[in-house]
Structure formats: C-alpha cells, structure tokens
Protein backbone atom coordinates (compact mmCIF):
# COMPACT_ATOMS: atom_id res chain seq x y z
CA UNK A 1 14.64 -0.15 9.35
CA UNK A 2 14.53 3.16 7.49
CA UNK A 3 10.96 2.53 6.34
CA UNK A 4 9.82 1.54 9.83
CA UNK A 5 11.43 4.65 11.27
CA UNK A 6 9.68 6.84 8.70
CA UNK A 7 6.34 5.13 9.40
CA UNK A 8 6.72 5.69 13.16
CA UNK A 9 7.49 9.37 12.62
CA UNK A 10 4.67 9.80 10.10
CA UNK A 11 2.10 8.27 12.46
CA UNK A 12 3.29 10.70 15.14
CA UNK A 13 2.47 13.58 12.80
CA UNK A 14 5.81 14.20 11.10
CA UNK A 15 4.76 15.62 7.71
CA UNK A 16 8.30 15.38 6.32
CA UNK A 17 8.42 11.63 7.06
CA UNK A 18 4.99 11.20 5.48
CA UNK A 19 6.09 12.98 2.32
CA UNK A 20 9.31 10.92 2.21
CA UNK A 21 7.29 7.70 2.42
CA UNK A 22 5.00 8.81 -0.39
CA UNK A 23 7.99 9.75 -2.58
CA UNK A 24 9.81 6.54 -1.65
CA UNK A 25 6.79 4.53 -2.79
CA UNK A 26 5.86 6.55 -5.87
CA UNK A 27 7.06 3.76 -8.17
CA UNK A 28 4.81 1.33 -6.28
CA UNK A 29 1.87 3.73 -6.67
CA UNK A 30 2.39 3.91 -10.43
CA UNK A 31 2.65 0.13 -10.59
CA UNK A 32 -0.75 -0.21 -8.90
CA UNK A 33 -2.24 2.53 -11.07
CA UNK A 34 -1.05 0.66 -14.17
CA UNK A 35 -3.22 -2.27 -13.13
CA UNK A 36 -6.33 -0.12 -13.58
CA UNK A 37 -5.52 1.63 -16.86
CA UNK A 38 -8.13 1.74 -19.62
CA UNK A 39 -10.96 1.67 -17.09
CA UNK A 40 -12.32 5.07 -18.14
CA UNK A 41 -10.65 6.90 -15.24
CA UNK A 42 -7.92 9.53 -15.47
CA UNK A 43 -4.46 8.42 -14.35
CA UNK A 44 -4.22 11.43 -11.99
CA UNK A 45 -7.41 10.31 -10.23
CA UNK A 46 -6.10 6.78 -9.87
CA UNK A 47 -2.80 8.14 -8.54
CA UNK A 48 -4.65 10.16 -5.89
CA UNK A 49 -6.70 7.15 -4.77
CA UNK A 50 -3.67 4.88 -4.60
CA UNK A 51 -1.90 7.56 -2.56
CA UNK A 52 -4.81 7.67 -0.11
CA UNK A 53 -4.55 3.88 0.19
CA UNK A 54 -0.82 4.26 0.85
CA UNK A 55 -1.50 6.79 3.62
CA UNK A 56 -4.03 4.44 5.21
CA UNK A 57 -1.43 1.67 5.04
CA UNK A 58 1.07 3.95 6.79
CA UNK A 59 -1.42 4.74 9.54
CA UNK A 60 -2.42 1.10 10.11
CA UNK A 61 0.80 -0.83 9.44
CA UNK A 62 1.75 -3.29 12.18
CA UNK A 63 5.33 -4.52 11.90
CA UNK A 64 4.59 -7.39 14.32
CA UNK A 65 2.66 -9.13 11.52
CA UNK A 66 6.00 -9.93 9.89
CA UNK A 67 5.01 -8.37 6.56
CA UNK A 68 7.04 -6.06 4.37
CA UNK A 69 5.39 -2.64 4.17
CA UNK A 70 4.95 -2.95 0.40
CA UNK A 71 3.21 -6.30 0.86
CA UNK A 72 0.76 -4.66 3.25
CA UNK A 73 0.32 -1.46 1.24
CA UNK A 74 -0.38 -2.84 -2.25
CA UNK A 75 -3.72 -4.56 -1.42
CA UNK A 76 -4.86 -1.44 0.48
CA UNK A 77 -3.99 0.79 -2.46
CA UNK A 78 -5.76 -1.52 -4.91
CA UNK A 79 -8.73 -1.77 -2.56
CA UNK A 80 -9.05 2.00 -2.39
CA UNK A 81 -9.21 2.23 -6.19
CA UNK A 82 -11.62 -0.70 -6.55
CA UNK A 83 -13.96 0.69 -3.88
CA UNK A 84 -14.24 4.05 -5.60
CA UNK A 85 -14.57 2.54 -9.07
CA UNK A 86 -17.37 0.37 -7.78
CA UNK A 87 -19.18 2.99 -5.72
CA UNK A 88 -18.68 6.23 -7.61
CA UNK A 89 -17.52 5.47 -11.14
CA UNK A 90 -15.13 8.06 -12.59
CA UNK A 91 -13.22 9.67 -9.72
CA UNK A 92 -12.89 13.38 -9.02
CA UNK A 93 -11.34 15.10 -6.04
CA UNK A 94 -14.25 16.30 -3.92
CA UNK A 95 -14.75 20.03 -3.42
CA UNK A 96 -14.52 19.54 0.36
CA UNK A 97 -11.01 18.06 -0.02
CA UNK A 98 -9.95 20.94 -2.25
CA UNK A 99 -11.29 23.52 0.24
CA UNK A 100 -9.65 21.74 3.18
CA UNK A 101 -6.30 21.49 1.37
CA UNK A 102 -6.48 25.22 0.53
CA UNK A 103 -7.17 26.13 4.15
CA UNK A 104 -4.34 23.85 5.27
CA UNK A 105 -1.92 25.62 2.92
CA UNK A 106 -2.77 28.99 4.48
CA UNK A 107 -2.43 27.64 8.03
CA UNK A 108 0.88 26.02 7.11
CA UNK A 109 2.26 29.34 5.86
CA UNK A 110 1.11 31.04 9.05
CA UNK A 111 2.76 28.42 11.29
CA UNK A 112 6.00 28.54 9.31
CA UNK A 113 6.14 32.31 9.82
CA UNK A 114 5.35 32.01 13.53
CA UNK A 115 7.65 29.09 14.38
CA UNK A 116 10.28 29.21 11.65
CA UNK A 117 9.89 25.53 10.85
CA UNK A 118 7.68 23.14 8.89
CA UNK A 119 4.58 22.23 10.96
CA UNK A 120 3.39 18.66 11.47
CA UNK A 121 0.10 17.60 9.92
CA UNK A 122 -1.28 17.19 13.43
CA UNK A 123 -0.53 20.88 14.19
CA UNK A 124 -2.36 22.03 11.08
CA UNK A 125 -5.26 19.68 11.81
CA UNK A 126 -5.51 21.07 15.35
CA UNK A 127 -5.65 24.64 14.03
CA UNK A 128 -8.40 23.66 11.59
CA UNK A 129 -10.22 21.48 14.15
CA UNK A 130 -10.26 18.50 11.79
CA UNK A 131 -9.14 14.88 12.06
CA UNK A 132 -5.49 14.21 11.14
CA UNK A 133 -6.42 11.30 8.86
CA UNK A 134 -8.99 13.42 7.02
CA UNK A 135 -6.46 16.20 6.48
CA UNK A 136 -3.81 13.72 5.27
CA UNK A 137 -6.24 12.33 2.72
CA UNK A 138 -7.14 15.84 1.52
CA UNK A 139 -3.48 16.82 1.15
CA UNK A 140 -2.60 13.67 -0.77
CA UNK A 141 -5.74 13.77 -2.95
CA UNK A 142 -4.88 17.28 -4.15
CA UNK A 143 -1.15 16.64 -4.55
CA UNK A 144 0.02 16.62 -8.15
CA UNK A 145 1.68 13.31 -9.11
CA UNK A 146 5.34 13.35 -10.07
CA UNK A 147 6.11 12.99 -13.74
CA UNK A 148 7.06 9.52 -14.95
CA UNK A 149 10.02 11.15 -16.65
CA UNK A 150 11.28 12.93 -13.52
CA UNK A 151 14.75 11.79 -12.43
CA UNK A 152 14.92 10.03 -9.06
CA UNK A 153 17.46 11.30 -6.55
CA UNK A 154 20.98 11.94 -7.79
CA UNK A 155 20.81 9.40 -10.61
CA UNK A 156 19.39 9.75 -14.09
CA UNK A 157 16.91 6.94 -13.45
CA UNK A 158 13.30 7.98 -14.02
CA UNK A 159 10.14 6.62 -12.43
CA UNK A 160 9.27 5.13 -15.81
CA UNK A 161 12.48 3.07 -15.61
CA UNK A 162 11.41 1.68 -12.22
CA UNK A 163 8.08 0.30 -13.47
CA UNK A 164 8.31 -3.30 -14.69
CA UNK A 165 6.78 -4.38 -17.98
CA UNK A 166 3.11 -5.31 -17.85
CA UNK A 167 3.68 -9.02 -17.31
CA UNK A 168 6.22 -8.30 -14.59
CA UNK A 169 3.85 -5.83 -12.97
CA UNK A 170 1.03 -8.35 -12.72
CA UNK A 171 3.45 -10.97 -11.46
CA UNK A 172 4.83 -8.70 -8.73
CA UNK A 173 1.40 -7.62 -7.53
CA UNK A 174 0.27 -11.25 -7.42
CA UNK A 175 3.38 -12.25 -5.47
CA UNK A 176 2.79 -9.47 -2.95
CA UNK A 177 -0.86 -10.43 -2.57
CA UNK A 178 0.03 -14.13 -2.24
CA UNK A 179 2.61 -13.39 0.45
CA UNK A 180 0.02 -11.52 2.47
CA UNK A 181 -2.55 -14.30 2.05
CA UNK A 182 -0.03 -16.88 3.29
CA UNK A 183 0.85 -14.72 6.31
CA UNK A 184 -2.87 -14.57 7.18
CA UNK A 185 -3.29 -18.37 7.20
CA UNK A 186 -3.78 -20.24 10.50
CA UNK A 187 -0.45 -21.38 11.96
CA UNK A 188 -0.79 -25.04 10.94
CA UNK A 189 -1.76 -24.22 7.35
CA UNK A 190 1.01 -21.64 7.08
CA UNK A 191 3.54 -24.16 8.37
CA UNK A 192 2.51 -26.75 5.78
CA UNK A 193 2.85 -24.29 2.90
CA UNK A 194 6.21 -22.95 4.10
CA UNK A 195 7.65 -26.43 4.66
CA UNK A 196 6.31 -27.69 1.34
CA UNK A 197 7.21 -24.80 -0.94
CA UNK A 198 9.92 -22.84 0.87
CA UNK A 199 11.79 -25.71 2.51
CA UNK A 200 10.81 -28.08 -0.35
CA UNK A 201 10.02 -30.95 2.01
CA UNK A 202 7.97 -33.97 0.95
CA UNK A 203 4.50 -34.66 2.31
CA UNK A 204 5.94 -37.63 4.20
CA UNK A 205 8.57 -35.44 5.89
CA UNK A 206 5.96 -32.86 6.85
CA UNK A 207 3.61 -35.56 8.18
CA UNK A 208 6.38 -36.94 10.41
CA UNK A 209 7.30 -33.49 11.68
CA UNK A 210 3.69 -32.54 12.45
CA UNK A 211 2.60 -35.90 13.86
CA UNK A 212 -0.13 -36.54 11.30
CA UNK A 213 -0.52 -38.91 8.33
CA UNK A 214 0.72 -38.21 4.83
CA UNK A 215 -2.88 -38.48 3.59
CA UNK A 216 -3.88 -35.69 5.99
CA UNK A 217 -1.02 -33.50 4.75
CA UNK A 218 -2.08 -34.14 1.14
CA UNK A 219 -5.69 -33.20 1.85
CA UNK A 220 -4.72 -30.13 3.83
CA UNK A 221 -2.29 -28.99 1.15
CA UNK A 222 -4.94 -29.31 -1.55
CA UNK A 223 -7.49 -27.42 0.55
CA UNK A 224 -5.02 -24.62 1.37
CA UNK A 225 -3.95 -24.21 -2.27
CA UNK A 226 -7.59 -24.02 -3.40
CA UNK A 227 -8.26 -21.33 -0.79
CA UNK A 228 -5.18 -19.32 -1.78
CA UNK A 229 -6.03 -19.61 -5.47
CA UNK A 230 -9.62 -18.41 -4.88
CA UNK A 231 -8.51 -15.49 -2.71
CA UNK A 232 -5.79 -14.50 -5.16
CA UNK A 233 -8.31 -14.54 -8.01
CA UNK A 234 -10.66 -12.32 -5.97
CA UNK A 235 -7.86 -9.85 -5.18
CA UNK A 236 -6.92 -9.47 -8.84
CA UNK A 237 -10.46 -9.19 -10.18
C-alpha cells in the first residue's frame, strides 16, 4: 500500500514521493546494475540508466495487472540498459540533460524562495516549458548514486548488505521476470501453470477441472513451458 501511494503521488508530480521511491528501490537498482558489470560501461552510467527505467516504471505502472511493482520495474530497468548498450555503446549523460538539470536547479531555488516549500517536478517543468517525463529523466540521469557503503535509515545496514550474492542476484531477477511472463499469459495457459505448479495438481485433475483431456493438458503444458523458457532466455541475454 505504501508503494502504491507513493507511485500515485509521484505520477501526480510529487517530487518528494518520486525521490522516496528511487531511494526505496536503490538496492534493486544496484542489483540490476550488477547484472551488466564488466561490459565496458561505468557503474555510474549503468546506475543512471537503471534509474531512468525505474522512473518509466513509476509513470506506467498499472496495479490492476496484479503485479508487484518490483516485478514490473526490473524488466524495464534492464531494458533501458540493454537498449542503450545496443544503440550507443558506452553511456554518457547527454549535454542536454546536464543543461536541463542545471536550469531546473535554478528554477527550484527560485520557487522555494517564492513559495517557501519544495516544488513539484510538474511546477518546474511548467516554468521551463518542458515535458515532465523529460525533466524527470534529466534529474535522475544527473543524480549521483548513493554509496554502497552508506547506511540505510536508522540501522547500520548498508546497501552492499542488501545485494544478494551473484547467484542469488541472477536467481531473483529470473524469478521476477518469470512471474511477469506468467502474468502475461492468456487466461487458460496461466490457469494451467498456476494449478500445476502453485497448487501442485496432476494433469488429470486439471483436465477434469477444465473440461479437456489429460493429453490436451500435457501438450498445452509442454508448449507453455517452452514459450516461457524461450522468453526467459531472451530477457536474460
């Protein structure tokens, strides 16, 4: 509920909620960044791209899909990095983003002085006559990443402590991607997978429940698993 509330406020232009969401998901950002290490790209650049993907996920998240926000955000963050690696090679923050972020900082200071409160991103964007999404991307792209050794909240836990080991990282990302792929299946295929692997029902039980033969269930299950396996392989390439 807290995450959904923050997303709603962020989409409405609440810059504090947006920043809270980014901070709340910093560990997730580093986990995604770790997937692309040793690719000839600076970690800071990868962090910025993953953050842009996170912002896009915030803007486009639909809770009616029944997905956890992290499940929705991870593929978008990975996609943002892959797209730039493929299209532009080593990633640098564009000069236009740096200039826009600098102008936004000056406008922010002006609005704080005038109104005595932190302005929303939408207010700054209106003053600069730019799109809110473009400004959000510029602000996040030029934001310095938190240190891995920085303590989180009131505890002594650091971001480094929150990142699983490499095997665990790959496993978690794959689980998140798989969950999203299952949610995107047609209703009948999704039902078969959920009954078979979540409810642990036999093919015969599923066939009886769905009014089809066991042979049909077997064929459908094989076809669905092949599709999921292929899509999961593509998403982790």
